[in-house]
Amino acid sequence: MTNFAVGDGPPKAKPLEALLRLKAVISPHGPIPVSKSTWWEGVRSGRFPKPVKLGPRTTVWRQSDVQLLIDNAPPSWVDSKGTM
Protein backbone atom coordinates (compact mmCIF):
# COMPACT_ATOMS: atom_id res chain seq x y z
CA MET A 1 0.00 0.00 0.00
CA THR A 2 1.32 3.43 -0.95
CA ASN A 3 0.87 6.30 1.46
CA PHE A 4 0.27 9.77 0.10
CA ALA A 5 0.19 13.01 2.07
CA VAL A 6 -3.25 14.48 2.69
CA GLY A 7 -4.49 16.14 -0.49
CA ASP A 8 -1.91 14.41 -2.64
CA GLY A 9 -2.88 11.85 -5.19
CA PRO A 10 -0.68 9.51 -7.12
CA PRO A 11 2.15 11.24 -9.00
CA LYS A 12 1.13 12.68 -12.34
CA ALA A 13 2.59 11.11 -15.46
CA LYS A 14 4.90 13.24 -17.58
CA PRO A 15 3.49 14.16 -20.99
CA LEU A 16 4.91 12.08 -23.82
CA GLU A 17 7.58 13.77 -25.90
CA ALA A 18 7.41 13.43 -29.67
CA LEU A 19 10.51 11.97 -31.29
CA LEU A 20 11.57 12.86 -34.82
CA ARG A 21 13.64 10.88 -37.31
CA LEU A 22 16.25 12.73 -39.36
CA LYS A 23 14.04 12.83 -42.49
CA ALA A 24 11.46 14.81 -40.52
CA VAL A 25 14.08 17.32 -39.36
CA ILE A 26 16.20 18.29 -42.38
CA SER A 27 15.44 19.29 -45.98
CA PRO A 28 13.75 18.51 -48.30
CA HIS A 29 10.93 17.18 -46.03
CA GLY A 30 11.85 18.82 -42.74
CA PRO A 31 12.05 22.43 -41.62
CA ILE A 32 15.85 22.68 -41.21
CA PRO A 33 17.46 23.61 -44.56
CA VAL A 34 20.73 21.69 -44.27
CA SER A 35 22.16 18.51 -45.77
CA LYS A 36 22.64 15.28 -43.84
CA SER A 37 26.41 15.76 -43.63
CA THR A 38 26.02 19.36 -42.42
CA TRP A 39 23.48 18.20 -39.81
CA TRP A 40 25.81 15.51 -38.41
CA GLU A 41 28.74 17.94 -38.32
CA GLY A 42 26.51 20.37 -36.40
CA VAL A 43 25.54 17.61 -33.96
CA ARG A 44 29.24 16.78 -33.39
CA SER A 45 30.14 20.44 -32.85
CA GLY A 46 27.18 21.16 -30.55
CA ARG A 47 25.44 23.53 -32.98
CA PHE A 48 22.48 21.14 -33.39
CA PRO A 49 20.72 19.08 -30.69
CA LYS A 50 22.10 15.78 -29.46
CA PRO A 51 20.29 12.70 -30.74
CA VAL A 52 18.62 9.96 -28.74
CA LYS A 53 19.62 6.41 -29.73
CA LEU A 54 16.69 3.99 -29.62
CA GLY A 55 18.69 1.10 -31.05
CA PRO A 56 21.83 0.34 -33.04
CA ARG A 57 20.29 1.73 -36.25
CA THR A 58 17.62 4.05 -34.90
CA THR A 59 18.41 7.65 -34.01
CA VAL A 60 15.82 10.32 -33.17
CA TRP A 61 15.66 13.87 -31.86
CA ARG A 62 13.28 15.30 -29.27
CA GLN A 63 10.69 17.54 -30.92
CA SER A 64 11.21 20.16 -28.20
CA ASP A 65 14.95 20.35 -29.03
CA VAL A 66 14.22 20.74 -32.74
CA GLN A 67 11.55 23.37 -32.03
CA LEU A 68 14.01 25.35 -29.90
CA LEU A 69 16.48 25.25 -32.80
CA ILE A 70 13.78 26.50 -35.19
CA ASP A 71 12.71 29.26 -32.78
CA ASN A 72 16.32 30.49 -32.67
CA ALA A 73 17.00 29.98 -36.39
CA PRO A 74 19.43 32.34 -38.12
CA PRO A 75 17.86 34.85 -40.52
CA SER A 76 19.39 33.05 -43.52
CA TRP A 77 17.04 30.09 -42.88
CA VAL A 78 13.92 32.24 -43.21
CA ASP A 79 12.61 33.23 -46.66
CA SER A 80 10.98 36.51 -47.65
CA LYS A 81 7.57 35.21 -46.55
CA GLY A 82 8.83 34.60 -43.03
CA THR A 83 8.77 30.80 -43.35
CA MET A 84 11.62 28.33 -43.38
C-alpha atoms as a PDB file:
ATOM      1  CA  MET A   1       0.000   0.000   0.000  1.00  0.00           C
ATOM      2  CA  THR A   2       1.317   3.430  -0.953  1.00  0.00           C
ATOM      3  CA  ASN A   3       0.871   6.301   1.463  1.00  0.00           C
ATOM      4  CA  PHE A   4       0.270   9.774   0.098  1.00  0.00           C
ATOM      5  CA  ALA A   5       0.194  13.011   2.070  1.00  0.00           C
ATOM      6  CA  VAL A   6      -3.245  14.483   2.685  1.00  0.00           C
ATOM      7  CA  GLY A   7      -4.487  16.144  -0.488  1.00  0.00           C
ATOM      8  CA  ASP A   8      -1.914  14.410  -2.639  1.00  0.00           C
ATOM      9  CA  GLY A   9      -2.880  11.851  -5.188  1.00  0.00           C
ATOM     10  CA  PRO A  10      -0.682   9.506  -7.117  1.00  0.00           C
ATOM     11  CA  PRO A  11       2.153  11.236  -8.997  1.00  0.00           C
ATOM     12  CA  LYS A  12       1.129  12.683 -12.339  1.00  0.00           C
ATOM     13  CA  ALA A  13       2.591  11.113 -15.461  1.00  0.00           C
ATOM     14  CA  LYS A  14       4.899  13.244 -17.576  1.00  0.00           C
ATOM     15  CA  PRO A  15       3.490  14.161 -20.988  1.00  0.00           C
ATOM     16  CA  LEU A  16       4.914  12.082 -23.818  1.00  0.00           C
ATOM     17  CA  GLU A  17       7.580  13.773 -25.902  1.00  0.00           C
ATOM     18  CA  ALA A  18       7.409  13.430 -29.674  1.00  0.00           C
ATOM     19  CA  LEU A  19      10.511  11.971 -31.285  1.00  0.00           C
ATOM     20  CA  LEU A  20      11.565  12.858 -34.822  1.00  0.00           C
ATOM     21  CA  ARG A  21      13.636  10.876 -37.314  1.00  0.00           C
ATOM     22  CA  LEU A  22      16.251  12.732 -39.358  1.00  0.00           C
ATOM     23  CA  LYS A  23      14.042  12.828 -42.489  1.00  0.00           C
ATOM     24  CA  ALA A  24      11.459  14.808 -40.515  1.00  0.00           C
ATOM     25  CA  VAL A  25      14.075  17.324 -39.355  1.00  0.00           C
ATOM     26  CA  ILE A  26      16.201  18.285 -42.379  1.00  0.00           C
ATOM     27  CA  SER A  27      15.439  19.289 -45.984  1.00  0.00           C
ATOM     28  CA  PRO A  28      13.748  18.509 -48.298  1.00  0.00           C
ATOM     29  CA  HIS A  29      10.934  17.185 -46.035  1.00  0.00           C
ATOM     30  CA  GLY A  30      11.852  18.816 -42.738  1.00  0.00           C
ATOM     31  CA  PRO A  31      12.052  22.435 -41.624  1.00  0.00           C
ATOM     32  CA  ILE A  32      15.849  22.680 -41.214  1.00  0.00           C
ATOM     33  CA  PRO A  33      17.459  23.614 -44.563  1.00  0.00           C
ATOM     34  CA  VAL A  34      20.732  21.686 -44.273  1.00  0.00           C
ATOM     35  CA  SER A  35      22.158  18.506 -45.775  1.00  0.00           C
ATOM     36  CA  LYS A  36      22.636  15.281 -43.836  1.00  0.00           C
ATOM     37  CA  SER A  37      26.414  15.764 -43.627  1.00  0.00           C
ATOM     38  CA  THR A  38      26.015  19.359 -42.416  1.00  0.00           C
ATOM     39  CA  TRP A  39      23.485  18.198 -39.807  1.00  0.00           C
ATOM     40  CA  TRP A  40      25.812  15.512 -38.414  1.00  0.00           C
ATOM     41  CA  GLU A  41      28.741  17.940 -38.316  1.00  0.00           C
ATOM     42  CA  GLY A  42      26.511  20.371 -36.402  1.00  0.00           C
ATOM     43  CA  VAL A  43      25.545  17.605 -33.963  1.00  0.00           C
ATOM     44  CA  ARG A  44      29.237  16.783 -33.389  1.00  0.00           C
ATOM     45  CA  SER A  45      30.137  20.442 -32.849  1.00  0.00           C
ATOM     46  CA  GLY A  46      27.177  21.156 -30.547  1.00  0.00           C
ATOM     47  CA  ARG A  47      25.444  23.527 -32.979  1.00  0.00           C
ATOM     48  CA  PHE A  48      22.483  21.138 -33.385  1.00  0.00           C
ATOM     49  CA  PRO A  49      20.722  19.082 -30.689  1.00  0.00           C
ATOM     50  CA  LYS A  50      22.098  15.779 -29.460  1.00  0.00           C
ATOM     51  CA  PRO A  51      20.286  12.696 -30.737  1.00  0.00           C
ATOM     52  CA  VAL A  52      18.620   9.958 -28.740  1.00  0.00           C
ATOM     53  CA  LYS A  53      19.625   6.407 -29.727  1.00  0.00           C
ATOM     54  CA  LEU A  54      16.693   3.987 -29.623  1.00  0.00           C
ATOM     55  CA  GLY A  55      18.686   1.096 -31.046  1.00  0.00           C
ATOM     56  CA  PRO A  56      21.829   0.336 -33.040  1.00  0.00           C
ATOM     57  CA  ARG A  57      20.291   1.727 -36.253  1.00  0.00           C
ATOM     58  CA  THR A  58      17.618   4.050 -34.898  1.00  0.00           C
ATOM     59  CA  THR A  59      18.405   7.652 -34.009  1.00  0.00           C
ATOM     60  CA  VAL A  60      15.821  10.317 -33.166  1.00  0.00           C
ATOM     61  CA  TRP A  61      15.662  13.872 -31.862  1.00  0.00           C
ATOM     62  CA  ARG A  62      13.276  15.300 -29.273  1.00  0.00           C
ATOM     63  CA  GLN A  63      10.693  17.543 -30.922  1.00  0.00           C
ATOM     64  CA  SER A  64      11.209  20.158 -28.197  1.00  0.00           C
ATOM     65  CA  ASP A  65      14.949  20.349 -29.030  1.00  0.00           C
ATOM     66  CA  VAL A  66      14.223  20.743 -32.743  1.00  0.00           C
ATOM     67  CA  GLN A  67      11.549  23.370 -32.032  1.00  0.00           C
ATOM     68  CA  LEU A  68      14.012  25.348 -29.897  1.00  0.00           C
ATOM     69  CA  LEU A  69      16.478  25.248 -32.800  1.00  0.00           C
ATOM     70  CA  ILE A  70      13.779  26.502 -35.188  1.00  0.00           C
ATOM     71  CA  ASP A  71      12.714  29.263 -32.784  1.00  0.00           C
ATOM     72  CA  ASN A  72      16.316  30.493 -32.667  1.00  0.00           C
ATOM     73  CA  ALA A  73      17.002  29.981 -36.391  1.00  0.00           C
ATOM     74  CA  PRO A  74      19.432  32.339 -38.124  1.00  0.00           C
ATOM     75  CA  PRO A  75      17.855  34.853 -40.524  1.00  0.00           C
ATOM     76  CA  SER A  76      19.390  33.053 -43.525  1.00  0.00           C
ATOM     77  CA  TRP A  77      17.040  30.095 -42.875  1.00  0.00           C
ATOM     78  CA  VAL A  78      13.922  32.245 -43.210  1.00  0.00           C
ATOM     79  CA  ASP A  79      12.613  33.226 -46.658  1.00  0.00           C
ATOM     80  CA  SER A  80      10.976  36.513 -47.655  1.00  0.00           C
ATOM     81  CA  LYS A  81       7.568  35.214 -46.548  1.00  0.00           C
ATOM     82  CA  GLY A  82       8.832  34.596 -43.027  1.00  0.00           C
ATOM     83  CA  THR A  83       8.772  30.804 -43.348  1.00  0.00           C
ATOM     84  CA  MET A  84      11.625  28.333 -43.380  1.00  0.00           C
END
